[in-house]
Amino acid sequence: GRNGSDLGSRMLEFYDCKDRVTTGSRMSGDTISVNPFASAFTTTQPRSLSKILSRADEESGFLNRWLFVGGKRKPQTFLGGVEPDMSDADKELFKVHIWANDEKSVTFTKEAIWKGNKDLNSFIDADKDKYDPALGRIDLTIKKLCLLFAINEMTTEITLEMYERVMQMYNYIKAYAIFRVENLEQATQQ
């Protein structure tokens, strides 16, 4: 959030898989990353989000590249948090890493593209117009979730069945996005 900081825009370029990401300064010169890839996982308490993010992050599209994942509250201990058992997740992530080791291109089947176009033109675009900016890039979120489902199944093809599983979450994503924007607006007015 500092004046002159371009961290957010650099992160966008990484997330969007730009061919080249460049940053520089008069002191250190230019730094160029060619064919970069970035993914970030982080945690924060829900109450802290309003201090970290601003309306500008939503309007710039920065927030549209994030997935917010909540979970059940975990029991706390007097001396600190509970250390999760990551052994199974570690094994599964290693399998995905091996599968993704060589360059892959993930595509949609013709049936999934047809259904996606039908949904976009029948209700998604109407929702985007009605609830802008909350749903301004919901189609991007849908495509990202389809990609995550494909990676999870270690396949390079997003099928109609996979697309429909993602769309089962549409109303939840829509309600959450609208709720978040309404809460942000209320917090801003206070």
Protein backbone atom coordinates (compact mmCIF):
# COMPACT_ATOMS: atom_id res chain seq x y z
CA GLY A 1 0.00 0.00 0.00
CA ARG A 2 2.98 2.37 0.02
CA ASN A 3 3.17 5.24 -2.46
CA GLY A 4 4.94 4.13 -5.61
CA SER A 5 4.75 0.42 -4.74
CA ASP A 6 4.11 -1.70 -7.82
CA LEU A 7 3.99 -5.05 -6.02
CA GLY A 8 0.27 -5.52 -6.75
CA SER A 9 0.66 -4.90 -10.49
CA ARG A 10 3.73 -7.17 -10.66
CA MET A 11 1.77 -9.91 -8.91
CA LEU A 12 -1.04 -9.49 -11.45
CA GLU A 13 1.44 -10.00 -14.28
CA PHE A 14 2.73 -13.20 -12.67
CA TYR A 15 -0.78 -14.51 -11.98
CA ASP A 16 -1.84 -13.77 -15.56
CA CYS A 17 1.21 -15.67 -16.91
CA LYS A 18 2.57 -12.79 -18.96
CA ASP A 19 5.48 -13.81 -21.23
CA ARG A 20 7.76 -11.28 -19.50
CA VAL A 21 7.50 -9.51 -16.18
CA THR A 22 9.78 -6.52 -15.77
CA THR A 23 10.46 -4.32 -12.79
CA GLY A 24 13.24 -1.90 -12.09
CA SER A 25 14.53 1.18 -10.46
CA ARG A 26 17.13 3.84 -11.16
CA MET A 27 19.35 2.38 -8.46
CA SER A 28 19.25 -1.32 -9.33
CA GLY A 29 18.28 -1.32 -13.02
CA ASP A 30 15.76 -3.65 -14.66
CA THR A 31 14.95 -7.17 -13.56
CA ILE A 32 13.21 -9.36 -16.14
CA SER A 33 11.50 -12.70 -15.62
CA VAL A 34 10.87 -14.67 -18.84
CA ASN A 35 7.96 -17.17 -19.00
CA PRO A 36 7.29 -16.81 -15.28
CA PHE A 37 4.73 -18.63 -13.16
CA ALA A 38 3.62 -17.70 -9.68
CA SER A 39 1.18 -19.00 -7.17
CA ALA A 40 0.86 -17.71 -3.63
CA PHE A 41 -0.77 -19.23 -0.59
CA THR A 42 -1.20 -17.15 2.51
CA THR A 43 -3.41 -16.94 5.55
CA THR A 44 -4.94 -14.14 7.51
CA GLN A 45 -7.70 -13.64 10.00
CA PRO A 46 -10.97 -12.53 8.33
CA ARG A 47 -11.03 -9.39 10.49
CA SER A 48 -7.69 -8.30 8.99
CA LEU A 49 -8.85 -8.29 5.36
CA SER A 50 -10.34 -4.80 5.52
CA LYS A 51 -6.93 -3.46 6.63
CA ILE A 52 -5.05 -5.31 3.88
CA LEU A 53 -7.35 -4.70 0.90
CA SER A 54 -9.06 -1.65 -0.51
CA ARG A 55 -11.78 -0.79 -3.01
CA ALA A 56 -9.00 -0.08 -5.54
CA ASP A 57 -7.86 -3.72 -5.28
CA GLU A 58 -11.32 -4.85 -6.32
CA GLU A 59 -11.74 -2.33 -9.11
CA SER A 60 -8.28 -3.06 -10.58
CA GLY A 61 -9.03 -6.77 -10.88
CA PHE A 62 -6.43 -7.67 -8.25
CA LEU A 63 -9.00 -9.40 -6.03
CA ASN A 64 -10.44 -11.37 -8.96
CA ARG A 65 -7.27 -13.43 -9.02
CA TRP A 66 -7.71 -14.55 -5.41
CA LEU A 67 -9.67 -17.45 -4.01
CA PHE A 68 -10.86 -17.07 -0.43
CA VAL A 69 -11.14 -20.42 1.28
CA GLY A 70 -12.65 -20.64 4.72
CA GLY A 71 -12.78 -23.59 7.01
CA LYS A 72 -14.01 -24.84 10.33
CA ARG A 73 -12.65 -23.12 13.38
CA LYS A 74 -9.95 -25.28 14.89
CA PRO A 75 -9.57 -25.87 18.62
CA GLN A 76 -6.94 -23.62 20.13
CA THR A 77 -4.35 -24.50 22.74
CA PHE A 78 -2.98 -22.30 25.47
CA LEU A 79 0.60 -22.42 24.11
CA GLY A 80 -0.19 -21.82 20.46
CA GLY A 81 -2.03 -23.11 17.42
CA VAL A 82 -2.65 -26.69 16.39
CA GLU A 83 -0.06 -28.01 13.97
CA PRO A 84 -1.91 -29.71 11.10
CA ASP A 85 -0.86 -33.11 9.77
CA MET A 86 0.29 -32.34 6.21
CA SER A 87 1.70 -35.79 5.37
CA ASP A 88 -1.22 -36.88 3.12
CA ALA A 89 -1.48 -33.46 1.47
CA ASP A 90 2.28 -33.47 0.92
CA LYS A 91 2.10 -36.80 -0.94
CA GLU A 92 -0.79 -35.63 -3.12
CA LEU A 93 0.89 -32.32 -3.91
CA PHE A 94 4.05 -34.21 -4.87
CA LYS A 95 2.00 -36.29 -7.36
CA VAL A 96 0.60 -33.12 -8.91
CA HIS A 97 4.08 -31.62 -9.06
CA ILE A 98 5.43 -34.68 -10.91
CA TRP A 99 2.47 -34.62 -13.32
CA ALA A 100 2.95 -30.90 -14.00
CA ASN A 101 6.72 -31.19 -14.41
CA ASP A 102 6.61 -30.86 -18.18
CA GLU A 103 4.78 -28.05 -19.95
CA LYS A 104 1.07 -28.77 -20.43
CA SER A 105 -1.79 -26.98 -22.07
CA VAL A 106 -5.20 -27.38 -20.46
CA THR A 107 -8.19 -27.01 -22.78
CA PHE A 108 -11.96 -27.25 -22.58
CA THR A 109 -13.90 -29.91 -24.49
CA LYS A 110 -16.31 -28.62 -27.15
CA GLU A 111 -19.25 -29.57 -24.91
CA ALA A 112 -17.84 -27.62 -21.96
CA ILE A 113 -17.19 -24.57 -24.17
CA TRP A 114 -20.74 -24.77 -25.54
CA LYS A 115 -22.22 -24.93 -22.03
CA GLY A 116 -19.93 -22.15 -20.79
CA ASN A 117 -21.00 -19.89 -23.68
CA LYS A 118 -24.66 -20.74 -23.05
CA ASP A 119 -24.36 -19.91 -19.33
CA LEU A 120 -22.38 -16.73 -20.05
CA ASN A 121 -25.03 -15.44 -22.44
CA SER A 122 -28.09 -16.63 -20.49
CA PHE A 123 -27.34 -15.54 -16.90
CA ILE A 124 -23.69 -14.81 -16.09
CA ASP A 125 -23.46 -11.61 -18.16
CA ALA A 126 -26.80 -10.43 -16.70
CA ASP A 127 -25.46 -11.01 -13.18
CA LYS A 128 -22.21 -9.20 -14.04
CA ASP A 129 -24.16 -6.17 -15.27
CA LYS A 130 -26.56 -6.19 -12.32
CA TYR A 131 -23.96 -6.63 -9.57
CA ASP A 132 -20.95 -4.79 -11.01
CA PRO A 133 -18.27 -4.54 -9.62
CA ALA A 134 -18.88 -7.51 -7.29
CA LEU A 135 -19.27 -9.95 -10.17
CA GLY A 136 -17.31 -8.03 -12.79
CA ARG A 137 -14.90 -10.93 -13.37
CA ILE A 138 -16.85 -13.96 -12.12
CA ASP A 139 -16.29 -15.68 -15.47
CA LEU A 140 -12.54 -15.54 -14.75
CA THR A 141 -13.13 -17.13 -11.34
CA ILE A 142 -15.13 -19.92 -13.01
CA LYS A 143 -12.30 -20.60 -15.47
CA LYS A 144 -9.72 -20.59 -12.66
CA LEU A 145 -11.78 -23.11 -10.69
CA CYS A 146 -12.10 -25.30 -13.81
CA LEU A 147 -8.31 -25.18 -14.14
CA LEU A 148 -7.86 -26.10 -10.47
CA PHE A 149 -10.25 -29.04 -10.89
CA ALA A 150 -8.27 -30.22 -13.94
CA ILE A 151 -4.96 -29.93 -12.09
CA ASN A 152 -6.42 -31.79 -9.12
CA GLU A 153 -7.48 -34.62 -11.44
CA MET A 154 -4.19 -34.36 -13.37
CA THR A 155 -5.90 -34.00 -16.72
CA THR A 156 -5.35 -31.55 -19.55
CA GLU A 157 -9.00 -31.54 -20.57
CA ILE A 158 -11.83 -29.72 -18.80
CA THR A 159 -14.91 -31.78 -19.52
CA LEU A 160 -18.58 -30.82 -19.38
CA GLU A 161 -18.93 -32.83 -16.15
CA MET A 162 -16.04 -30.92 -14.58
CA TYR A 163 -17.47 -27.57 -15.70
CA GLU A 164 -20.86 -28.49 -14.23
CA ARG A 165 -19.23 -29.37 -10.88
CA VAL A 166 -17.68 -25.90 -10.82
CA MET A 167 -21.03 -24.31 -11.70
CA GLN A 168 -22.63 -26.00 -8.69
CA MET A 169 -20.68 -23.40 -6.70
CA TYR A 170 -21.89 -20.45 -8.82
CA ASN A 171 -24.61 -19.24 -6.45
CA TYR A 172 -22.25 -19.49 -3.48
CA ILE A 173 -19.52 -17.51 -5.30
CA LYS A 174 -22.09 -14.94 -6.40
CA ALA A 175 -23.57 -14.53 -2.91
CA TYR A 176 -20.13 -14.28 -1.31
CA ALA A 177 -18.94 -11.65 -3.81
CA ILE A 178 -22.05 -9.52 -3.29
CA PHE A 179 -21.84 -9.90 0.50
CA ARG A 180 -18.17 -8.91 0.50
CA VAL A 181 -18.78 -5.76 -1.57
CA GLU A 182 -21.75 -4.74 0.59
CA ASN A 183 -19.68 -5.17 3.76
CA LEU A 184 -16.78 -3.24 2.24
CA GLU A 185 -19.12 -0.40 1.30
CA GLN A 186 -20.61 -0.34 4.81
CA ALA A 187 -17.15 -0.29 6.39
CA THR A 188 -16.08 2.54 4.07
CA GLN A 189 -19.14 4.61 5.00
CA GLN A 190 -18.43 4.22 8.73
